[in-house]
Amino acid sequence: MLAKTARLTESGDFARATKSGIRFTSANFVGYLYITTDGSTPARAGLIISKSVGGSVARHRLARKIRHCLRESYAQLPQGSLLVVRGLNNSATADCAREIKDVVSNLIRKANERAIKK
C-alpha cells in the first residue's frame, strides 16, 4: 500500500489534478498527472472509483488492486506531482498491473515531452 504521506486526501488537490493536469486514457482507467513547481514535497496519488464500477465490495477491491499497482510505479513520479487514477465502468475485471503501469508511464512520457517543448 501507499504510505500516508503519498496519498491525496484533499478535494482541492483532486480538482487541481483532474482539471489542470495531463490526462491519459486506457481501456479501463483514466490517469491525471499534475506537476507542481514544489520539488521538496513527495509525489502523492489518489483514486476516484465511481459507483458504476459496482457495489462497495467491488469498489474497495479495485481500490486495493490499484494502490498495490501504484506502489510499484510510485518511484517514477516526479517530486511534488499529483497523480489521480479514475476507474471506469469495467475496470473491476481489468488487468490492473499492466494498465496502471501503462497509464503512469504514458503520463510521465507526456510530461517529459511538454517539459522539452518549453
PDB file of N, CA and C in Angstrom:
ATOM      1  N   MET A   1       0.823  -1.185   0.000  1.00  0.00           N
ATOM      2  CA  MET A   1       0.000   0.000   0.000  1.00  0.00           C
ATOM      3  C   MET A   1       0.868   1.249   0.000  1.00  0.00           C
ATOM      4  N   LEU A   2       0.251   2.354  -0.341  1.00  0.00           N
ATOM      5  CA  LEU A   2       0.965   3.624  -0.353  1.00  0.00           C
ATOM      6  C   LEU A   2       1.064   4.187   1.060  1.00  0.00           C
ATOM      7  N   ALA A   3       2.184   4.825   1.346  1.00  0.00           N
ATOM      8  CA  ALA A   3       2.360   5.460   2.642  1.00  0.00           C
ATOM      9  C   ALA A   3       1.365   6.609   2.794  1.00  0.00           C
ATOM     10  N   LYS A   4       1.100   6.983   4.027  1.00  0.00           N
ATOM     11  CA  LYS A   4       0.131   8.043   4.277  1.00  0.00           C
ATOM     12  C   LYS A   4       0.560   9.364   3.651  1.00  0.00           C
ATOM     13  N   THR A   5       1.851   9.640   3.620  1.00  0.00           N
ATOM     14  CA  THR A   5       2.347  10.884   3.017  1.00  0.00           C
ATOM     15  C   THR A   5       2.253  10.857   1.498  1.00  0.00           C
ATOM     16  N   ALA A   6       2.019   9.690   0.920  1.00  0.00           N
ATOM     17  CA  ALA A   6       1.958   9.550  -0.539  1.00  0.00           C
ATOM     18  C   ALA A   6       0.530   9.554  -1.062  1.00  0.00           C
ATOM     19  N   ARG A   7      -0.450   9.821  -0.205  1.00  0.00           N
ATOM     20  CA  ARG A   7      -1.851   9.781  -0.619  1.00  0.00           C
ATOM     21  C   ARG A   7      -2.441  11.174  -0.760  1.00  0.00           C
ATOM     22  N   LEU A   8      -3.272  11.343  -1.768  1.00  0.00           N
ATOM     23  CA  LEU A   8      -4.044  12.574  -1.913  1.00  0.00           C
ATOM     24  C   LEU A   8      -5.264  12.467  -1.014  1.00  0.00           C
ATOM     25  N   THR A   9      -5.509  13.493  -0.220  1.00  0.00           N
ATOM     26  CA  THR A   9      -6.662  13.447   0.678  1.00  0.00           C
ATOM     27  C   THR A   9      -7.557  14.678   0.563  1.00  0.00           C
ATOM     28  N   GLU A  10      -7.054  15.757   0.000  1.00  0.00           N
ATOM     29  CA  GLU A  10      -7.833  16.992  -0.057  1.00  0.00           C
ATOM     30  C   GLU A  10      -8.524  17.136  -1.408  1.00  0.00           C
ATOM     31  N   SER A  11      -9.765  17.593  -1.376  1.00  0.00           N
ATOM     32  CA  SER A  11     -10.540  17.724  -2.613  1.00  0.00           C
ATOM     33  C   SER A  11      -9.927  18.739  -3.572  1.00  0.00           C
ATOM     34  N   GLY A  12      -9.266  19.746  -3.038  1.00  0.00           N
ATOM     35  CA  GLY A  12      -8.614  20.741  -3.884  1.00  0.00           C
ATOM     36  C   GLY A  12      -7.492  20.139  -4.729  1.00  0.00           C
ATOM     37  N   ASP A  13      -6.769  19.198  -4.144  1.00  0.00           N
ATOM     38  CA  ASP A  13      -5.702  18.526  -4.890  1.00  0.00           C
ATOM     39  C   ASP A  13      -6.280  17.639  -5.990  1.00  0.00           C
ATOM     40  N   PHE A  14      -7.373  16.944  -5.694  1.00  0.00           N
ATOM     41  CA  PHE A  14      -8.038  16.132  -6.710  1.00  0.00           C
ATOM     42  C   PHE A  14      -8.519  17.021  -7.850  1.00  0.00           C
ATOM     43  N   ALA A  15      -9.126  18.161  -7.507  1.00  0.00           N
ATOM     44  CA  ALA A  15      -9.634  19.080  -8.526  1.00  0.00           C
ATOM     45  C   ALA A  15      -8.497  19.645  -9.369  1.00  0.00           C
ATOM     46  N   ARG A  16      -7.392  20.005  -8.742  1.00  0.00           N
ATOM     47  CA  ARG A  16      -6.249  20.559  -9.468  1.00  0.00           C
ATOM     48  C   ARG A  16      -5.696  19.540 -10.462  1.00  0.00           C
ATOM     49  N   ALA A  17      -5.579  18.296 -10.028  1.00  0.00           N
ATOM     50  CA  ALA A  17      -5.022  17.252 -10.898  1.00  0.00           C
ATOM     51  C   ALA A  17      -5.964  16.934 -12.050  1.00  0.00           C
ATOM     52  N   THR A  18      -7.264  16.815 -11.771  1.00  0.00           N
ATOM     53  CA  THR A  18      -8.196  16.410 -12.823  1.00  0.00           C
ATOM     54  C   THR A  18      -8.519  17.536 -13.797  1.00  0.00           C
ATOM     55  N   LYS A  19      -8.480  18.771 -13.345  1.00  0.00           N
ATOM     56  CA  LYS A  19      -8.833  19.886 -14.221  1.00  0.00           C
ATOM     57  C   LYS A  19      -7.627  20.474 -14.955  1.00  0.00           C
ATOM     58  N   SER A  20      -6.476  20.499 -14.308  1.00  0.00           N
ATOM     59  CA  SER A  20      -5.313  21.161 -14.899  1.00  0.00           C
ATOM     60  C   SER A  20      -4.180  20.211 -15.258  1.00  0.00           C
ATOM     61  N   GLY A  21      -4.321  18.948 -14.943  1.00  0.00           N
ATOM     62  CA  GLY A  21      -3.240  18.008 -15.180  1.00  0.00           C
ATOM     63  C   GLY A  21      -3.250  17.393 -16.566  1.00  0.00           C
ATOM     64  N   ILE A  22      -2.196  16.672 -16.855  1.00  0.00           N
ATOM     65  CA  ILE A  22      -2.072  15.919 -18.099  1.00  0.00           C
ATOM     66  C   ILE A  22      -2.959  14.689 -17.963  1.00  0.00           C
ATOM     67  N   ARG A  23      -3.640  14.311 -19.045  1.00  0.00           N
ATOM     68  CA  ARG A  23      -4.574  13.188 -18.977  1.00  0.00           C
ATOM     69  C   ARG A  23      -4.165  12.105 -19.967  1.00  0.00           C
ATOM     70  N   PHE A  24      -4.298  10.851 -19.523  1.00  0.00           N
ATOM     71  CA  PHE A  24      -4.105   9.705 -20.409  1.00  0.00           C
ATOM     72  C   PHE A  24      -5.209   8.694 -20.103  1.00  0.00           C
ATOM     73  N   THR A  25      -5.825   8.179 -21.159  1.00  0.00           N
ATOM     74  CA  THR A  25      -6.932   7.247 -21.003  1.00  0.00           C
ATOM     75  C   THR A  25      -6.555   5.889 -21.581  1.00  0.00           C
ATOM     76  N   SER A  26      -6.808   4.843 -20.810  1.00  0.00           N
ATOM     77  CA  SER A  26      -6.666   3.477 -21.313  1.00  0.00           C
ATOM     78  C   SER A  26      -8.079   2.894 -21.401  1.00  0.00           C
ATOM     79  N   ALA A  27      -8.179   1.615 -21.647  1.00  0.00           N
ATOM     80  CA  ALA A  27      -9.490   0.992 -21.810  1.00  0.00           C
ATOM     81  C   ALA A  27     -10.323   1.056 -20.530  1.00  0.00           C
ATOM     82  N   ASN A  28      -9.687   0.936 -19.374  1.00  0.00           N
ATOM     83  CA  ASN A  28     -10.429   0.848 -18.117  1.00  0.00           C
ATOM     84  C   ASN A  28     -10.081   1.923 -17.093  1.00  0.00           C
ATOM     85  N   PHE A  29      -9.075   2.737 -17.378  1.00  0.00           N
ATOM     86  CA  PHE A  29      -8.635   3.735 -16.409  1.00  0.00           C
ATOM     87  C   PHE A  29      -8.325   5.055 -17.107  1.00  0.00           C
ATOM     88  N   VAL A  30      -8.461   6.142 -16.346  1.00  0.00           N
ATOM     89  CA  VAL A  30      -8.026   7.459 -16.792  1.00  0.00           C
ATOM     90  C   VAL A  30      -7.050   7.955 -15.742  1.00  0.00           C
ATOM     91  N   GLY A  31      -5.897   8.410 -16.197  1.00  0.00           N
ATOM     92  CA  GLY A  31      -4.891   8.928 -15.277  1.00  0.00           C
ATOM     93  C   GLY A  31      -4.694  10.413 -15.497  1.00  0.00           C
ATOM     94  N   TYR A  32      -4.497  11.145 -14.418  1.00  0.00           N
ATOM     95  CA  TYR A  32      -4.237  12.580 -14.466  1.00  0.00           C
ATOM     96  C   TYR A  32      -2.950  12.835 -13.688  1.00  0.00           C
ATOM     97  N   LEU A  33      -2.064  13.620 -14.270  1.00  0.00           N
ATOM     98  CA  LEU A  33      -0.810  13.951 -13.601  1.00  0.00           C
ATOM     99  C   LEU A  33      -0.637  15.460 -13.619  1.00  0.00           C
ATOM    100  N   TYR A  34      -0.541  16.042 -12.446  1.00  0.00           N
ATOM    101  CA  TYR A  34      -0.320  17.474 -12.298  1.00  0.00           C
ATOM    102  C   TYR A  34       1.060  17.652 -11.674  1.00  0.00           C
ATOM    103  N   ILE A  35       1.917  18.378 -12.372  1.00  0.00           N
ATOM    104  CA  ILE A  35       3.281  18.577 -11.887  1.00  0.00           C
ATOM    105  C   ILE A  35       3.358  19.952 -11.238  1.00  0.00           C
ATOM    106  N   THR A  36       3.742  19.989  -9.988  1.00  0.00           N
ATOM    107  CA  THR A  36       3.878  21.255  -9.270  1.00  0.00           C
ATOM    108  C   THR A  36       5.329  21.713  -9.328  1.00  0.00           C
ATOM    109  N   THR A  37       5.545  22.963  -9.018  1.00  0.00           N
ATOM    110  CA  THR A  37       6.901  23.501  -9.002  1.00  0.00           C
ATOM    111  C   THR A  37       7.592  23.218  -7.676  1.00  0.00           C
ATOM    112  N   ASP A  38       6.842  22.756  -6.700  1.00  0.00           N
ATOM    113  CA  ASP A  38       7.388  22.456  -5.377  1.00  0.00           C
ATOM    114  C   ASP A  38       8.037  21.079  -5.402  1.00  0.00           C
ATOM    115  N   GLY A  39       9.326  21.032  -5.545  1.00  0.00           N
ATOM    116  CA  GLY A  39      10.045  19.767  -5.619  1.00  0.00           C
ATOM    117  C   GLY A  39      10.442  19.218  -4.261  1.00  0.00           C
ATOM    118  N   SER A  40      10.108  19.934  -3.185  1.00  0.00           N
ATOM    119  CA  SER A  40      10.521  19.477  -1.859  1.00  0.00           C
ATOM    120  C   SER A  40       9.526  18.487  -1.245  1.00  0.00           C
ATOM    121  N   THR A  41       8.313  18.456  -1.775  1.00  0.00           N
ATOM    122  CA  THR A  41       7.325  17.520  -1.249  1.00  0.00           C
ATOM    123  C   THR A  41       7.315  16.245  -2.089  1.00  0.00           C
ATOM    124  N   PRO A  42       6.971  15.130  -1.487  1.00  0.00           N
ATOM    125  CA  PRO A  42       6.920  13.889  -2.264  1.00  0.00           C
ATOM    126  C   PRO A  42       5.703  13.872  -3.185  1.00  0.00           C
ATOM    127  N   ALA A  43       5.764  13.028  -4.188  1.00  0.00           N
ATOM    128  CA  ALA A  43       4.623  12.838  -5.081  1.00  0.00           C
ATOM    129  C   ALA A  43       3.485  12.220  -4.279  1.00  0.00           C
ATOM    130  N   ARG A  44       2.255  12.549  -4.675  1.00  0.00           N
ATOM    131  CA  ARG A  44       1.088  11.991  -3.993  1.00  0.00           C
ATOM    132  C   ARG A  44       0.125  11.428  -5.017  1.00  0.00           C
ATOM    133  N   ALA A  45      -0.603  10.395  -4.633  1.00  0.00           N
ATOM    134  CA  ALA A  45      -1.518   9.723  -5.557  1.00  0.00           C
ATOM    135  C   ALA A  45      -2.872   9.514  -4.884  1.00  0.00           C
ATOM    136  N   GLY A  46      -3.922   9.555  -5.705  1.00  0.00           N
ATOM    137  CA  GLY A  46      -5.273   9.339  -5.211  1.00  0.00           C
ATOM    138  C   GLY A  46      -6.102   8.583  -6.230  1.00  0.00           C
ATOM    139  N   LEU A  47      -7.235   8.067  -5.780  1.00  0.00           N
ATOM    140  CA  LEU A  47      -8.111   7.259  -6.618  1.00  0.00           C
ATOM    141  C   LEU A  47      -9.510   7.850  -6.657  1.00  0.00           C
ATOM    142  N   ILE A  48     -10.159   7.696  -7.811  1.00  0.00           N
ATOM    143  CA  ILE A  48     -11.568   8.026  -7.954  1.00  0.00           C
ATOM    144  C   ILE A  48     -12.230   6.801  -8.562  1.00  0.00           C
ATOM    145  N   ILE A  49     -13.118   6.187  -7.806  1.00  0.00           N
ATOM    146  CA  ILE A  49     -13.810   4.994  -8.289  1.00  0.00           C
ATOM    147  C   ILE A  49     -15.301   5.223  -8.085  1.00  0.00           C
ATOM    148  N   SER A  50     -16.030   5.318  -9.190  1.00  0.00           N
ATOM    149  CA  SER A  50     -17.448   5.645  -9.103  1.00  0.00           C
ATOM    150  C   SER A  50     -18.282   4.406  -8.805  1.00  0.00           C
ATOM    151  N   LYS A  51     -19.534   4.645  -8.471  1.00  0.00           N
ATOM    152  CA  LYS A  51     -20.451   3.554  -8.167  1.00  0.00           C
ATOM    153  C   LYS A  51     -20.790   2.714  -9.386  1.00  0.00           C
ATOM    154  N   SER A  52     -20.514   3.242 -10.579  1.00  0.00           N
ATOM    155  CA  SER A  52     -20.789   2.464 -11.787  1.00  0.00           C
ATOM    156  C   SER A  52     -19.864   1.261 -11.921  1.00  0.00           C
ATOM    157  N   VAL A  53     -18.772   1.238 -11.162  1.00  0.00           N
ATOM    158  CA  VAL A  53     -17.854   0.090 -11.166  1.00  0.00           C
ATOM    159  C   VAL A  53     -18.528  -1.120 -10.530  1.00  0.00           C
ATOM    160  N   GLY A  54     -19.330  -0.891  -9.511  1.00  0.00           N
ATOM    161  CA  GLY A  54     -20.003  -1.975  -8.817  1.00  0.00           C
ATOM    162  C   GLY A  54     -20.350  -1.573  -7.403  1.00  0.00           C
ATOM    163  N   GLY A  55     -20.672  -2.562  -6.611  1.00  0.00           N
ATOM    164  CA  GLY A  55     -21.019  -2.311  -5.221  1.00  0.00           C
ATOM    165  C   GLY A  55     -19.799  -1.949  -4.395  1.00  0.00           C
ATOM    166  N   SER A  56     -20.033  -1.745  -3.127  1.00  0.00           N
ATOM    167  CA  SER A  56     -18.977  -1.323  -2.219  1.00  0.00           C
ATOM    168  C   SER A  56     -17.811  -2.308  -2.191  1.00  0.00           C
ATOM    169  N   VAL A  57     -18.106  -3.582  -2.155  1.00  0.00           N
ATOM    170  CA  VAL A  57     -17.051  -4.599  -2.094  1.00  0.00           C
ATOM    171  C   VAL A  57     -16.200  -4.559  -3.361  1.00  0.00           C
ATOM    172  N   ALA A  58     -16.830  -4.455  -4.520  1.00  0.00           N
ATOM    173  CA  ALA A  58     -16.100  -4.408  -5.788  1.00  0.00           C
ATOM    174  C   ALA A  58     -15.247  -3.145  -5.881  1.00  0.00           C
ATOM    175  N   ARG A  59     -15.778  -2.018  -5.429  1.00  0.00           N
ATOM    176  CA  ARG A  59     -15.023  -0.762  -5.489  1.00  0.00           C
ATOM    177  C   ARG A  59     -13.807  -0.804  -4.571  1.00  0.00           C
ATOM    178  N   HIS A  60     -13.981  -1.320  -3.370  1.00  0.00           N
ATOM    179  CA  HIS A  60     -12.857  -1.392  -2.440  1.00  0.00           C
ATOM    180  C   HIS A  60     -11.816  -2.412  -2.891  1.00  0.00           C
ATOM    181  N   ARG A  61     -12.247  -3.501  -3.478  1.00  0.00           N
ATOM    182  CA  ARG A  61     -11.310  -4.494  -4.014  1.00  0.00           C
ATOM    183  C   ARG A  61     -10.486  -3.865  -5.133  1.00  0.00           C
ATOM    184  N   LEU A  62     -11.153  -3.115  -6.013  1.00  0.00           N
ATOM    185  CA  LEU A  62     -10.453  -2.435  -7.093  1.00  0.00           C
ATOM    186  C   LEU A  62      -9.478  -1.395  -6.538  1.00  0.00           C
ATOM    187  N   ALA A  63      -9.887  -0.659  -5.529  1.00  0.00           N
ATOM    188  CA  ALA A  63      -9.008   0.352  -4.924  1.00  0.00           C
ATOM    189  C   ALA A  63      -7.746  -0.295  -4.360  1.00  0.00           C
ATOM    190  N   ARG A  64      -7.885  -1.433  -3.704  1.00  0.00           N
ATOM    191  CA  ARG A  64      -6.713  -2.139  -3.169  1.00  0.00           C
ATOM    192  C   ARG A  64      -5.797  -2.600  -4.291  1.00  0.00           C
ATOM    193  N   LYS A  65      -6.376  -3.116  -5.377  1.00  0.00           N
ATOM    194  CA  LYS A  65      -5.565  -3.553  -6.521  1.00  0.00           C
ATOM    195  C   LYS A  65      -4.800  -2.377  -7.125  1.00  0.00           C
ATOM    196  N   ILE A  66      -5.496  -1.263  -7.310  1.00  0.00           N
ATOM    197  CA  ILE A  66      -4.853  -0.093  -7.916  1.00  0.00           C
ATOM    198  C   ILE A  66      -3.743   0.429  -7.015  1.00  0.00           C
ATOM    199  N   ARG A  67      -3.996   0.538  -5.712  1.00  0.00           N
ATOM    200  CA  ARG A  67      -2.958   1.008  -4.791  1.00  0.00           C
ATOM    201  C   ARG A  67      -1.738   0.101  -4.822  1.00  0.00           C
ATOM    202  N   HIS A  68      -1.969  -1.204  -4.900  1.00  0.00           N
ATOM    203  CA  HIS A  68      -0.863  -2.159  -4.960  1.00  0.00           C
ATOM    204  C   HIS A  68      -0.051  -1.938  -6.242  1.00  0.00           C
ATOM    205  N   CYS A  69      -0.728  -1.714  -7.358  1.00  0.00           N
ATOM    206  CA  CYS A  69      -0.039  -1.465  -8.631  1.00  0.00           C
ATOM    207  C   CYS A  69       0.674  -0.122  -8.626  1.00  0.00           C
ATOM    208  N   LEU A  70       0.085   0.873  -8.004  1.00  0.00           N
ATOM    209  CA  LEU A  70       0.704   2.199  -7.937  1.00  0.00           C
ATOM    210  C   LEU A  70       1.976   2.183  -7.105  1.00  0.00           C
ATOM    211  N   ARG A  71       2.021   1.312  -6.120  1.00  0.00           N
ATOM    212  CA  ARG A  71       3.205   1.239  -5.271  1.00  0.00           C
ATOM    213  C   ARG A  71       4.450   0.939  -6.098  1.00  0.00           C
ATOM    214  N   GLU A  72       4.292   0.118  -7.132  1.00  0.00           N
ATOM    215  CA  GLU A  72       5.426  -0.235  -7.984  1.00  0.00           C
ATOM    216  C   GLU A  72       5.831   0.929  -8.889  1.00  0.00           C
ATOM    217  N   SER A  73       4.877   1.737  -9.328  1.00  0.00           N
ATOM    218  CA  SER A  73       5.152   2.837 -10.247  1.00  0.00           C
ATOM    219  C   SER A  73       5.400   4.159  -9.532  1.00  0.00           C
ATOM    220  N   TYR A  74       5.200   4.204  -8.239  1.00  0.00           N
ATOM    221  CA  TYR A  74       5.274   5.455  -7.479  1.00  0.00           C
ATOM    222  C   TYR A  74       6.656   6.107  -7.571  1.00  0.00           C
ATOM    223  N   ALA A  75       7.704   5.320  -7.584  1.00  0.00           N
ATOM    224  CA  ALA A  75       9.066   5.866  -7.591  1.00  0.00           C
ATOM    225  C   ALA A  75       9.374   6.634  -8.878  1.00  0.00           C
ATOM    226  N   GLN A  76       8.647   6.367  -9.955  1.00  0.00           N
ATOM    227  CA  GLN A  76       8.882   7.039 -11.236  1.00  0.00           C
ATOM    228  C   GLN A  76       8.297   8.445 -11.265  1.00  0.00           C
ATOM    229  N   LEU A  77       7.365   8.749 -10.364  1.00  0.00           N
ATOM    230  CA  LEU A  77       6.688  10.050 -10.390  1.00  0.00           C
ATOM    231  C   LEU A  77       7.636  11.177  -9.998  1.00  0.00           C
ATOM    232  N   PRO A  78       7.519  12.324 -10.660  1.00  0.00           N
ATOM    233  CA  PRO A  78       8.350  13.482 -10.292  1.00  0.00           C
ATOM    234  C   PRO A  78       7.993  13.985  -8.887  1.00  0.00           C
ATOM    235  N   GLN A  79       8.980  14.547  -8.208  1.00  0.00           N
ATOM    236  CA  GLN A  79       8.763  15.105  -6.876  1.00  0.00           C
ATOM    237  C   GLN A  79       7.688  16.183  -6.935  1.00  0.00           C
ATOM    238  N   GLY A  80       6.794  16.184  -5.982  1.00  0.00           N
ATOM    239  CA  GLY A  80       5.761  17.209  -5.877  1.00  0.00           C
ATOM    240  C   GLY A  80       4.584  17.034  -6.814  1.00  0.00           C
ATOM    241  N   SER A  81       4.548  15.961  -7.577  1.00  0.00           N
ATOM    242  CA  SER A  81       3.452  15.782  -8.540  1.00  0.00           C
ATOM    243  C   SER A  81       2.223  15.174  -7.856  1.00  0.00           C
ATOM    244  N   LEU A  82       1.083  15.378  -8.497  1.00  0.00           N
ATOM    245  CA  LEU A  82      -0.182  14.829  -8.029  1.00  0.00           C
ATOM    246  C   LEU A  82      -0.703  13.870  -9.098  1.00  0.00           C
ATOM    247  N   LEU A  83      -0.957  12.637  -8.721  1.00  0.00           N
ATOM    248  CA  LEU A  83      -1.457  11.622  -9.648  1.00  0.00           C
ATOM    249  C   LEU A  83      -2.835  11.181  -9.189  1.00  0.00           C
ATOM    250  N   VAL A  84      -3.792  11.174 -10.106  1.00  0.00           N
ATOM    251  CA  VAL A  84      -5.133  10.681  -9.814  1.00  0.00           C
ATOM    252  C   VAL A  84      -5.458   9.611 -10.842  1.00  0.00           C
ATOM    253  N   VAL A  85      -5.940   8.463 -10.372  1.00  0.00           N
ATOM    254  CA  VAL A  85      -6.364   7.376 -11.255  1.00  0.00           C
ATOM    255  C   VAL A  85      -7.864   7.205 -11.069  1.00  0.00           C
ATOM    256  N   ARG A  86      -8.599   7.272 -12.178  1.00  0.00           N
ATOM    257  CA  ARG A  86     -10.047   7.104 -12.161  1.00  0.00           C
ATOM    258  C   ARG A  86     -10.373   5.743 -12.766  1.00  0.00           C
ATOM    259  N   GLY A  87     -11.128   4.933 -12.017  1.00  0.00           N
ATOM    260  CA  GLY A  87     -11.573   3.638 -12.521  1.00  0.00           C
ATOM    261  C   GLY A  87     -12.856   3.786 -13.309  1.00  0.00           C
ATOM    262  N   LEU A  88     -12.877   3.279 -14.528  1.00  0.00           N
ATOM    263  CA  LEU A  88     -14.066   3.357 -15.366  1.00  0.00           C
ATOM    264  C   LEU A  88     -14.969   2.145 -15.132  1.00  0.00           C
ATOM    265  N   ASN A  89     -16.078   2.075 -15.845  1.00  0.00           N
ATOM    266  CA  ASN A  89     -17.130   1.092 -15.590  1.00  0.00           C
ATOM    267  C   ASN A  89     -16.649  -0.357 -15.493  1.00  0.00           C
ATOM    268  N   ASN A  90     -15.865  -0.822 -16.450  1.00  0.00           N
ATOM    269  CA  ASN A  90     -15.461  -2.232 -16.477  1.00  0.00           C
ATOM    270  C   ASN A  90     -14.109  -2.483 -15.833  1.00  0.00           C
ATOM    271  N   SER A  91     -13.606  -1.549 -15.058  1.00  0.00           N
ATOM    272  CA  SER A  91     -12.262  -1.674 -14.516  1.00  0.00           C
ATOM    273  C   SER A  91     -12.140  -2.738 -13.431  1.00  0.00           C
ATOM    274  N   ALA A  92     -13.245  -3.184 -12.859  1.00  0.00           N
ATOM    275  CA  ALA A  92     -13.181  -4.205 -11.806  1.00  0.00           C
ATOM    276  C   ALA A  92     -12.645  -5.527 -12.333  1.00  0.00           C
ATOM    277  N   THR A  93     -12.837  -5.796 -13.624  1.00  0.00           N
ATOM    278  CA  THR A  93     -12.369  -7.052 -14.206  1.00  0.00           C
ATOM    279  C   THR A  93     -11.100  -6.865 -15.030  1.00  0.00           C
ATOM    280  N   ALA A  94     -10.480  -5.713 -14.963  1.00  0.00           N
ATOM    281  CA  ALA A  94      -9.322  -5.392 -15.803  1.00  0.00           C
ATOM    282  C   ALA A  94      -8.039  -5.965 -15.227  1.00  0.00           C
ATOM    283  N   ASP A  95      -7.022  -6.032 -16.087  1.00  0.00           N
ATOM    284  CA  ASP A  95      -5.668  -6.391 -15.672  1.00  0.00           C
ATOM    285  C   ASP A  95      -5.005  -5.117 -15.135  1.00  0.00           C
ATOM    286  N   CYS A  96      -5.166  -4.886 -13.845  1.00  0.00           N
ATOM    287  CA  CYS A  96      -4.736  -3.623 -13.237  1.00  0.00           C
ATOM    288  C   CYS A  96      -3.237  -3.393 -13.369  1.00  0.00           C
ATOM    289  N   ALA A  97      -2.440  -4.398 -13.126  1.00  0.00           N
ATOM    290  CA  ALA A  97      -0.989  -4.206 -13.110  1.00  0.00           C
ATOM    291  C   ALA A  97      -0.487  -3.656 -14.437  1.00  0.00           C
ATOM    292  N   ARG A  98      -0.900  -4.246 -15.533  1.00  0.00           N
ATOM    293  CA  ARG A  98      -0.429  -3.816 -16.847  1.00  0.00           C
ATOM    294  C   ARG A  98      -0.973  -2.439 -17.194  1.00  0.00           C
ATOM    295  N   GLU A  99      -2.267  -2.243 -16.997  1.00  0.00           N
ATOM    296  CA  GLU A  99      -2.875  -0.970 -17.402  1.00  0.00           C
ATOM    297  C   GLU A  99      -2.405   0.204 -16.559  1.00  0.00           C
ATOM    298  N   ILE A 100      -2.270   0.020 -15.265  1.00  0.00           N
ATOM    299  CA  ILE A 100      -1.801   1.113 -14.405  1.00  0.00           C
ATOM    300  C   ILE A 100      -0.371   1.472 -14.760  1.00  0.00           C
ATOM    301  N   LYS A 101       0.457   0.466 -15.012  1.00  0.00           N
ATOM    302  CA  LYS A 101       1.838   0.725 -15.418  1.00  0.00           C
ATOM    303  C   LYS A 101       1.869   1.508 -16.733  1.00  0.00           C
ATOM    304  N   ASP A 102       1.001   1.147 -17.686  1.00  0.00           N
ATOM    305  CA  ASP A 102       0.914   1.863 -18.956  1.00  0.00           C
ATOM    306  C   ASP A 102       0.446   3.302 -18.755  1.00  0.00           C
ATOM    307  N   VAL A 103      -0.559   3.480 -17.922  1.00  0.00           N
ATOM    308  CA  VAL A 103      -1.090   4.825 -17.672  1.00  0.00           C
ATOM    309  C   VAL A 103      -0.018   5.715 -17.064  1.00  0.00           C
ATOM    310  N   VAL A 104       0.668   5.232 -16.041  1.00  0.00           N
ATOM    311  CA  VAL A 104       1.683   6.047 -15.368  1.00  0.00           C
ATOM    312  C   VAL A 104       2.849   6.345 -16.302  1.00  0.00           C
ATOM    313  N   SER A 105       3.320   5.339 -17.041  1.00  0.00           N
ATOM    314  CA  SER A 105       4.457   5.580 -17.936  1.00  0.00           C
ATOM    315  C   SER A 105       4.089   6.547 -19.051  1.00  0.00           C
ATOM    316  N   ASN A 106       2.875   6.467 -19.585  1.00  0.00           N
ATOM    317  CA  ASN A 106       2.450   7.400 -20.625  1.00  0.00           C
ATOM    318  C   ASN A 106       2.272   8.812 -20.090  1.00  0.00           C
ATOM    319  N   LEU A 107       1.782   8.946 -18.864  1.00  0.00           N
ATOM    320  CA  LEU A 107       1.662  10.273 -18.253  1.00  0.00           C
ATOM    321  C   LEU A 107       3.037  10.905 -18.060  1.00  0.00           C
ATOM    322  N   ILE A 108       3.996  10.114 -17.601  1.00  0.00           N
ATOM    323  CA  ILE A 108       5.350  10.635 -17.398  1.00  0.00           C
ATOM    324  C   ILE A 108       5.983  10.998 -18.735  1.00  0.00           C
ATOM    325  N   ARG A 109       5.745  10.182 -19.758  1.00  0.00           N
ATOM    326  CA  ARG A 109       6.266  10.472 -21.092  1.00  0.00           C
ATOM    327  C   ARG A 109       5.689  11.781 -21.611  1.00  0.00           C
ATOM    328  N   LYS A 110       4.366  11.964 -21.467  1.00  0.00           N
ATOM    329  CA  LYS A 110       3.727  13.207 -21.911  1.00  0.00           C
ATOM    330  C   LYS A 110       4.269  14.419 -21.145  1.00  0.00           C
ATOM    331  N   ALA A 111       4.480  14.259 -19.851  1.00  0.00           N
ATOM    332  CA  ALA A 111       5.018  15.359 -19.041  1.00  0.00           C
ATOM    333  C   ALA A 111       6.429  15.723 -19.494  1.00  0.00           C
ATOM    334  N   ASN A 112       7.243  14.720 -19.800  1.00  0.00           N
ATOM    335  CA  ASN A 112       8.608  14.977 -20.268  1.00  0.00           C
ATOM    336  C   ASN A 112       8.593  15.660 -21.642  1.00  0.00           C
ATOM    337  N   GLU A 113       7.682  15.254 -22.520  1.00  0.00           N
ATOM    338  CA  GLU A 113       7.570  15.891 -23.831  1.00  0.00           C
ATOM    339  C   GLU A 113       7.175  17.356 -23.695  1.00  0.00           C
ATOM    340  N   ARG A 114       6.277  17.651 -22.786  1.00  0.00           N
ATOM    341  CA  ARG A 114       5.859  19.039 -22.570  1.00  0.00           C
ATOM    342  C   ARG A 114       6.978  19.863 -21.972  1.00  0.00           C
ATOM    343  N   ALA A 115       7.782  19.244 -21.098  1.00  0.00           N
ATOM    344  CA  ALA A 115       8.881  19.964 -20.483  1.00  0.00           C
ATOM    345  C   ALA A 115       9.955  20.296 -21.511  1.00  0.00           C
ATOM    346  N   ILE A 116      10.157  19.415 -22.488  1.00  0.00           N
ATOM    347  CA  ILE A 116      11.158  19.656 -23.532  1.00  0.00           C
ATOM    348  C   ILE A 116      10.702  20.776 -24.450  1.00  0.00           C
ATOM    349  N   LYS A 117       9.400  20.836 -24.749  1.00  0.00           N
ATOM    350  CA  LYS A 117       8.877  21.873 -25.642  1.00  0.00           C
ATOM    351  C   LYS A 117       9.006  23.255 -25.043  1.00  0.00           C
ATOM    352  N   LYS A 118       8.972  23.363 -23.723  1.00  0.00           N
ATOM    353  CA  LYS A 118       9.053  24.681 -23.066  1.00  0.00           C
ATOM    354  C   LYS A 118      10.432  25.191 -23.054  1.00  0.00           C
TER     355      LYS A 118
END
